[in-house]
Amino acid sequence: MQIGNQVEGQLPEELKKKIDEIVSKDKVVLFMKGDRFMPQCGFSDAVVKALNFHSAEYVTYDVLTNPDLRMGMKIYSEWATFPQLYVNKDFVGGCDIIMEMHEQGELAKALTK
């Protein structure tokens, strides 16, 4: 069930473990529509451009090609929309938050923690 921008539901333990592994494996992880080379929505494209501006090393996961991951991430992060950015295993936010951080110089700091 979606309430505002939050999603409630039960995340299957196996999927939770998989997502835990994904966000732990790399320092910067972006769950998005498409991939870094071909974003499939303007919001994902904007975050990719912001990360590239900072020459960030990051991996992407395409939620359009994996429906389980797409629904699982909404529950895992308690955030209903994509993209979703994780840095050092912590959920940073979606496009609006990332763009605001980028404009205020906070994204560069978060990426170098």
C-alpha atoms as a PDB file:
ATOM      1  CA  MET A   1       0.000   0.000   0.000  1.00  0.00           C
ATOM      2  CA  GLN A   2       1.269   3.487  -0.834  1.00  0.00           C
ATOM      3  CA  ILE A   3       0.755   6.363   1.585  1.00  0.00           C
ATOM      4  CA  GLY A   4       2.001   9.647   0.147  1.00  0.00           C
ATOM      5  CA  ASN A   5       5.538   8.931  -0.984  1.00  0.00           C
ATOM      6  CA  GLN A   6       5.908   5.996   1.406  1.00  0.00           C
ATOM      7  CA  VAL A   7       5.114   2.364   0.844  1.00  0.00           C
ATOM      8  CA  GLU A   8       4.014  -0.123   3.446  1.00  0.00           C
ATOM      9  CA  GLY A   9       4.272  -3.855   3.063  1.00  0.00           C
ATOM     10  CA  GLN A  10       6.206  -6.931   3.997  1.00  0.00           C
ATOM     11  CA  LEU A  11       9.538  -7.464   2.257  1.00  0.00           C
ATOM     12  CA  PRO A  12      10.335 -11.164   1.745  1.00  0.00           C
ATOM     13  CA  GLU A  13      13.459 -12.071   3.734  1.00  0.00           C
ATOM     14  CA  GLU A  14      15.285 -13.447   0.679  1.00  0.00           C
ATOM     15  CA  LEU A  15      14.735 -10.205  -1.239  1.00  0.00           C
ATOM     16  CA  LYS A  16      15.770  -8.122   1.779  1.00  0.00           C
ATOM     17  CA  LYS A  17      19.043 -10.063   1.971  1.00  0.00           C
ATOM     18  CA  LYS A  18      19.635  -9.534  -1.750  1.00  0.00           C
ATOM     19  CA  ILE A  19      19.047  -5.780  -1.447  1.00  0.00           C
ATOM     20  CA  ASP A  20      21.258  -5.610   1.664  1.00  0.00           C
ATOM     21  CA  GLU A  21      24.026  -7.251  -0.382  1.00  0.00           C
ATOM     22  CA  ILE A  22      23.525  -4.859  -3.294  1.00  0.00           C
ATOM     23  CA  VAL A  23      23.705  -1.680  -1.182  1.00  0.00           C
ATOM     24  CA  SER A  24      26.669  -3.067   0.788  1.00  0.00           C
ATOM     25  CA  LYS A  25      28.725  -4.182  -2.198  1.00  0.00           C
ATOM     26  CA  ASP A  26      29.452  -0.727  -3.657  1.00  0.00           C
ATOM     27  CA  LYS A  27      29.867   2.677  -2.051  1.00  0.00           C
ATOM     28  CA  VAL A  28      27.396   4.450  -4.353  1.00  0.00           C
ATOM     29  CA  VAL A  29      24.376   2.590  -5.723  1.00  0.00           C
ATOM     30  CA  LEU A  30      21.615   4.063  -7.877  1.00  0.00           C
ATOM     31  CA  PHE A  31      18.340   2.221  -8.405  1.00  0.00           C
ATOM     32  CA  MET A  32      16.845   3.795 -11.490  1.00  0.00           C
ATOM     33  CA  LYS A  33      14.752   3.371 -14.604  1.00  0.00           C
ATOM     34  CA  GLY A  34      17.215   2.302 -17.277  1.00  0.00           C
ATOM     35  CA  ASP A  35      20.956   2.416 -16.701  1.00  0.00           C
ATOM     36  CA  ARG A  36      23.631   5.083 -16.514  1.00  0.00           C
ATOM     37  CA  PHE A  37      24.194   4.890 -20.275  1.00  0.00           C
ATOM     38  CA  MET A  38      20.508   4.996 -21.225  1.00  0.00           C
ATOM     39  CA  PRO A  39      18.253   6.412 -18.514  1.00  0.00           C
ATOM     40  CA  GLN A  40      14.592   5.726 -19.207  1.00  0.00           C
ATOM     41  CA  CYS A  41      13.132   8.758 -17.421  1.00  0.00           C
ATOM     42  CA  GLY A  42      14.080  12.364 -16.907  1.00  0.00           C
ATOM     43  CA  PHE A  43      14.461  12.007 -13.139  1.00  0.00           C
ATOM     44  CA  SER A  44      16.919   9.120 -13.487  1.00  0.00           C
ATOM     45  CA  ASP A  45      18.775  11.064 -16.171  1.00  0.00           C
ATOM     46  CA  ALA A  46      19.084  14.108 -13.906  1.00  0.00           C
ATOM     47  CA  VAL A  47      20.608  12.072 -11.064  1.00  0.00           C
ATOM     48  CA  VAL A  48      23.011  10.314 -13.454  1.00  0.00           C
ATOM     49  CA  LYS A  49      24.143  13.719 -14.734  1.00  0.00           C
ATOM     50  CA  ALA A  50      24.655  14.990 -11.182  1.00  0.00           C
ATOM     51  CA  LEU A  51      26.714  11.922 -10.247  1.00  0.00           C
ATOM     52  CA  ASN A  52      28.736  12.203 -13.457  1.00  0.00           C
ATOM     53  CA  PHE A  53      29.334  15.907 -12.775  1.00  0.00           C
ATOM     54  CA  HIS A  54      31.091  14.852  -9.569  1.00  0.00           C
ATOM     55  CA  SER A  55      32.967  12.033 -11.350  1.00  0.00           C
ATOM     56  CA  ALA A  56      31.389   9.623  -8.880  1.00  0.00           C
ATOM     57  CA  GLU A  57      32.085   5.931  -9.151  1.00  0.00           C
ATOM     58  CA  TYR A  58      28.713   4.233  -8.908  1.00  0.00           C
ATOM     59  CA  VAL A  59      26.715   1.253 -10.044  1.00  0.00           C
ATOM     60  CA  THR A  60      23.166   1.247 -11.314  1.00  0.00           C
ATOM     61  CA  TYR A  61      20.335  -1.250 -11.113  1.00  0.00           C
ATOM     62  CA  ASP A  62      17.516  -1.035 -13.637  1.00  0.00           C
ATOM     63  CA  VAL A  63      14.223  -1.485 -11.801  1.00  0.00           C
ATOM     64  CA  LEU A  64      12.287  -1.658 -15.078  1.00  0.00           C
ATOM     65  CA  THR A  65      13.852  -5.014 -15.955  1.00  0.00           C
ATOM     66  CA  ASN A  66      13.396  -6.500 -12.492  1.00  0.00           C
ATOM     67  CA  PRO A  67       9.839  -6.141 -11.098  1.00  0.00           C
ATOM     68  CA  ASP A  68      10.733  -7.869  -7.800  1.00  0.00           C
ATOM     69  CA  LEU A  69      13.586  -5.439  -7.198  1.00  0.00           C
ATOM     70  CA  ARG A  70      11.365  -2.504  -8.175  1.00  0.00           C
ATOM     71  CA  MET A  71       8.655  -3.395  -5.654  1.00  0.00           C
ATOM     72  CA  GLY A  72      11.189  -4.530  -3.065  1.00  0.00           C
ATOM     73  CA  MET A  73      13.081  -1.244  -3.174  1.00  0.00           C
ATOM     74  CA  LYS A  74       9.896   0.706  -2.546  1.00  0.00           C
ATOM     75  CA  ILE A  75       9.381  -1.240   0.668  1.00  0.00           C
ATOM     76  CA  TYR A  76      13.076  -1.414   1.637  1.00  0.00           C
ATOM     77  CA  SER A  77      13.607   2.341   1.396  1.00  0.00           C
ATOM     78  CA  GLU A  78      10.038   3.311   2.295  1.00  0.00           C
ATOM     79  CA  TRP A  79      10.198   5.517  -0.808  1.00  0.00           C
ATOM     80  CA  ALA A  80       7.743   4.937  -3.643  1.00  0.00           C
ATOM     81  CA  THR A  81       9.546   6.552  -6.574  1.00  0.00           C
ATOM     82  CA  PHE A  82      12.730   6.140  -8.568  1.00  0.00           C
ATOM     83  CA  PRO A  83      15.561   6.909  -8.790  1.00  0.00           C
ATOM     84  CA  GLN A  84      16.815   6.024  -5.321  1.00  0.00           C
ATOM     85  CA  LEU A  85      20.406   6.770  -4.342  1.00  0.00           C
ATOM     86  CA  TYR A  86      22.341   4.924  -1.646  1.00  0.00           C
ATOM     87  CA  VAL A  87      25.744   6.047  -0.373  1.00  0.00           C
ATOM     88  CA  ASN A  88      27.642   3.929   2.141  1.00  0.00           C
ATOM     89  CA  LYS A  89      24.548   1.721   2.603  1.00  0.00           C
ATOM     90  CA  ASP A  90      22.391   4.734   3.544  1.00  0.00           C
ATOM     91  CA  PHE A  91      19.398   5.885   1.529  1.00  0.00           C
ATOM     92  CA  VAL A  92      20.109   9.463   0.474  1.00  0.00           C
ATOM     93  CA  GLY A  93      16.935  10.197  -1.477  1.00  0.00           C
ATOM     94  CA  GLY A  94      15.250  10.551  -4.823  1.00  0.00           C
ATOM     95  CA  CYS A  95      15.704  13.024  -7.630  1.00  0.00           C
ATOM     96  CA  ASP A  96      14.440  16.163  -5.862  1.00  0.00           C
ATOM     97  CA  ILE A  97      16.639  15.592  -2.824  1.00  0.00           C
ATOM     98  CA  ILE A  98      19.703  14.697  -4.902  1.00  0.00           C
ATOM     99  CA  MET A  99      19.296  17.746  -7.130  1.00  0.00           C
ATOM    100  CA  GLU A 100      18.900  20.013  -4.116  1.00  0.00           C
ATOM    101  CA  MET A 101      22.022  18.498  -2.554  1.00  0.00           C
ATOM    102  CA  HIS A 102      23.880  18.943  -5.854  1.00  0.00           C
ATOM    103  CA  GLU A 103      22.890  22.611  -6.112  1.00  0.00           C
ATOM    104  CA  GLN A 104      23.886  23.300  -2.492  1.00  0.00           C
ATOM    105  CA  GLY A 105      27.240  21.482  -2.709  1.00  0.00           C
ATOM    106  CA  GLU A 106      26.116  18.756  -0.307  1.00  0.00           C
ATOM    107  CA  LEU A 107      26.191  15.936  -2.850  1.00  0.00           C
ATOM    108  CA  ALA A 108      29.946  16.223  -3.324  1.00  0.00           C
ATOM    109  CA  LYS A 109      30.414  15.932   0.441  1.00  0.00           C
ATOM    110  CA  ALA A 110      28.120  12.905   0.674  1.00  0.00           C
ATOM    111  CA  LEU A 111      29.959  11.153  -2.152  1.00  0.00           C
ATOM    112  CA  THR A 112      33.352  11.589  -0.472  1.00  0.00           C
ATOM    113  CA  LYS A 113      32.367  10.313   2.979  1.00  0.00           C
END
